Amino acid sequence: MSTAIRLPSLHLSAAALAGVLALAAPALAHHGWSWAESEQMTLQGTIKTISMAPPHPVLHVTAKDGVLWQVDLGNPRQTADSGFTGDTAKPGDAVTVLGNRNRDSTKPHMKAVRITLAGKNYDMYPERITN
């Protein structure tokens, strides 16, 4: 009798887990590095907006050519550990970003490994810095 009760709950748990994994797959792919090129690039521009909201802080940076880039920083802990906080920079500040751009070259989107503001480096992923 207890086996009959446990079996349906096991199937329900497996189905629930499968559903959660299916929904999480795009988020996991985005938060890894597979969506980004392996070669690093440097972006210079001006900060337009700063968001420190989870799942990861984001800068919107207007490049010197006028293109608006989305720059993903590390997760909130990594970003704070680098010394970068919501008070470190403000819109209008000049910034240099070292990181990996989106494999889709039509998207002005990159993941920062280092940002530099007023000559100070904030290393989000020091182990990934190649330049």
Protein backbone atom coordinates (compact mmCIF):
# COMPACT_ATOMS: atom_id res chain seq x y z
CA MET A 1 0.00 0.00 0.00
CA SER A 2 2.76 2.47 0.82
CA THR A 3 4.50 1.56 -2.48
CA ALA A 4 1.43 2.60 -4.46
CA ILE A 5 1.41 5.95 -2.69
CA ARG A 6 5.14 6.59 -3.16
CA LEU A 7 5.24 5.63 -6.83
CA PRO A 8 2.93 8.41 -8.06
CA SER A 9 4.79 10.97 -5.95
CA LEU A 10 8.06 9.73 -7.47
CA HIS A 11 6.66 10.29 -10.96
CA LEU A 12 5.37 13.69 -9.93
CA SER A 13 8.78 14.61 -8.52
CA ALA A 14 10.54 13.46 -11.69
CA ALA A 15 8.09 15.41 -13.84
CA ALA A 16 8.51 18.52 -11.68
CA LEU A 17 12.30 18.24 -11.86
CA ALA A 18 12.19 17.83 -15.64
CA GLY A 19 10.01 20.93 -15.90
CA VAL A 20 12.33 23.00 -13.75
CA LEU A 21 15.37 21.89 -15.74
CA ALA A 22 13.65 22.69 -19.03
CA LEU A 23 12.84 26.19 -17.81
CA ALA A 24 16.31 26.71 -16.36
CA ALA A 25 18.24 25.61 -19.46
CA PRO A 26 18.13 29.01 -21.22
CA ALA A 27 19.17 30.79 -18.03
CA LEU A 28 22.03 28.38 -17.42
CA ALA A 29 23.23 28.75 -21.00
CA HIS A 30 23.13 32.54 -20.72
CA HIS A 31 24.98 32.62 -17.40
CA GLY A 32 27.79 30.37 -18.63
CA TRP A 33 30.31 31.35 -21.27
CA SER A 34 29.13 29.22 -24.21
CA TRP A 35 27.21 32.15 -25.72
CA ALA A 36 30.36 34.31 -25.84
CA GLU A 37 33.35 34.27 -28.18
CA SER A 38 36.57 32.88 -26.72
CA GLU A 39 38.65 35.84 -27.94
CA GLN A 40 38.48 38.91 -25.72
CA MET A 41 37.79 42.43 -26.89
CA THR A 42 38.03 45.91 -25.41
CA LEU A 43 35.08 48.29 -25.39
CA GLN A 44 35.54 51.97 -24.59
CA GLY A 45 32.60 54.22 -23.96
CA THR A 46 30.38 56.02 -21.51
CA ILE A 47 28.10 54.41 -18.95
CA LYS A 48 24.45 55.11 -19.77
CA THR A 49 22.80 52.99 -17.04
CA ILE A 50 23.86 50.77 -14.15
CA SER A 51 21.76 47.94 -12.70
CA MET A 52 23.00 46.00 -9.69
CA ALA A 53 19.94 43.71 -9.64
CA PRO A 54 20.31 39.92 -9.63
CA PRO A 55 20.98 37.61 -11.33
CA HIS A 56 23.97 39.73 -12.34
CA PRO A 57 24.78 43.44 -12.47
CA VAL A 58 24.62 45.04 -15.90
CA LEU A 59 26.06 48.20 -17.43
CA HIS A 60 24.68 49.77 -20.58
CA VAL A 61 27.59 51.48 -22.28
CA THR A 62 27.46 53.83 -25.25
CA ALA A 63 30.53 53.09 -27.36
CA LYS A 64 32.51 55.81 -29.10
CA ASP A 65 30.70 54.92 -32.36
CA GLY A 66 27.30 55.50 -30.68
CA VAL A 67 26.31 51.83 -30.36
CA LEU A 68 24.66 50.94 -27.03
CA TRP A 69 26.19 47.77 -25.49
CA GLN A 70 24.87 45.55 -22.73
CA VAL A 71 27.79 44.59 -20.49
CA ASP A 72 27.10 41.75 -18.04
CA LEU A 73 29.29 41.83 -14.93
CA GLY A 74 29.93 38.93 -12.56
CA ASN A 75 27.29 37.61 -10.22
CA PRO A 76 26.56 40.03 -7.35
CA ARG A 77 29.16 38.43 -5.04
CA GLN A 78 31.89 38.41 -7.70
CA THR A 79 31.12 41.98 -8.63
CA ALA A 80 31.26 43.14 -5.00
CA ASP A 81 34.47 41.14 -4.44
CA SER A 82 36.04 43.04 -7.36
CA GLY A 83 35.36 46.27 -5.46
CA PHE A 84 32.63 47.45 -7.83
CA THR A 85 29.40 48.49 -6.10
CA GLY A 86 26.37 50.54 -7.05
CA ASP A 87 28.22 53.64 -5.82
CA THR A 88 31.47 53.03 -7.74
CA ALA A 89 30.31 54.61 -10.99
CA LYS A 90 27.52 56.75 -12.34
CA PRO A 91 25.95 57.40 -15.74
CA GLY A 92 28.24 59.61 -17.80
CA ASP A 93 31.46 58.04 -16.49
CA ALA A 94 34.01 56.88 -19.04
CA VAL A 95 34.65 53.13 -18.87
CA THR A 96 36.88 50.57 -20.54
CA VAL A 97 35.59 47.00 -20.57
CA LEU A 98 37.67 43.91 -21.28
CA GLY A 99 35.55 40.87 -21.98
CA ASN A 100 33.98 38.41 -24.36
CA ARG A 101 31.34 39.51 -26.84
CA ASN A 102 28.27 37.60 -27.89
CA ARG A 103 28.91 35.00 -30.63
CA ASP A 104 26.02 36.62 -32.51
CA SER A 105 27.83 39.66 -33.89
CA THR A 106 24.51 41.44 -34.50
CA LYS A 107 24.05 41.74 -30.72
CA PRO A 108 26.08 44.45 -28.93
CA HIS A 109 26.37 42.33 -25.80
CA MET A 110 29.39 41.17 -23.84
CA LYS A 111 30.44 39.64 -20.55
CA ALA A 112 33.07 41.66 -18.71
CA VAL A 113 36.11 40.08 -17.12
CA ARG A 114 37.48 43.51 -16.12
CA ILE A 115 36.14 47.04 -16.10
CA THR A 116 38.36 50.07 -15.70
CA LEU A 117 37.08 53.37 -14.33
CA ALA A 118 39.33 56.39 -13.73
CA GLY A 119 42.42 54.18 -14.03
CA LYS A 120 41.22 51.61 -11.46
CA ASN A 121 40.64 47.99 -12.48
CA TYR A 122 37.70 45.95 -11.20
CA ASP A 123 38.38 42.31 -12.05
CA MET A 124 35.16 40.26 -12.16
CA TYR A 125 36.89 37.13 -13.47
CA PRO A 126 40.65 37.56 -12.87
CA GLU A 127 41.35 33.97 -13.88
CA ARG A 128 39.93 34.66 -17.36
CA ILE A 129 41.93 37.80 -18.16
CA THR A 130 44.15 37.14 -21.17
CA ASN A 131 45.16 40.68 -22.24
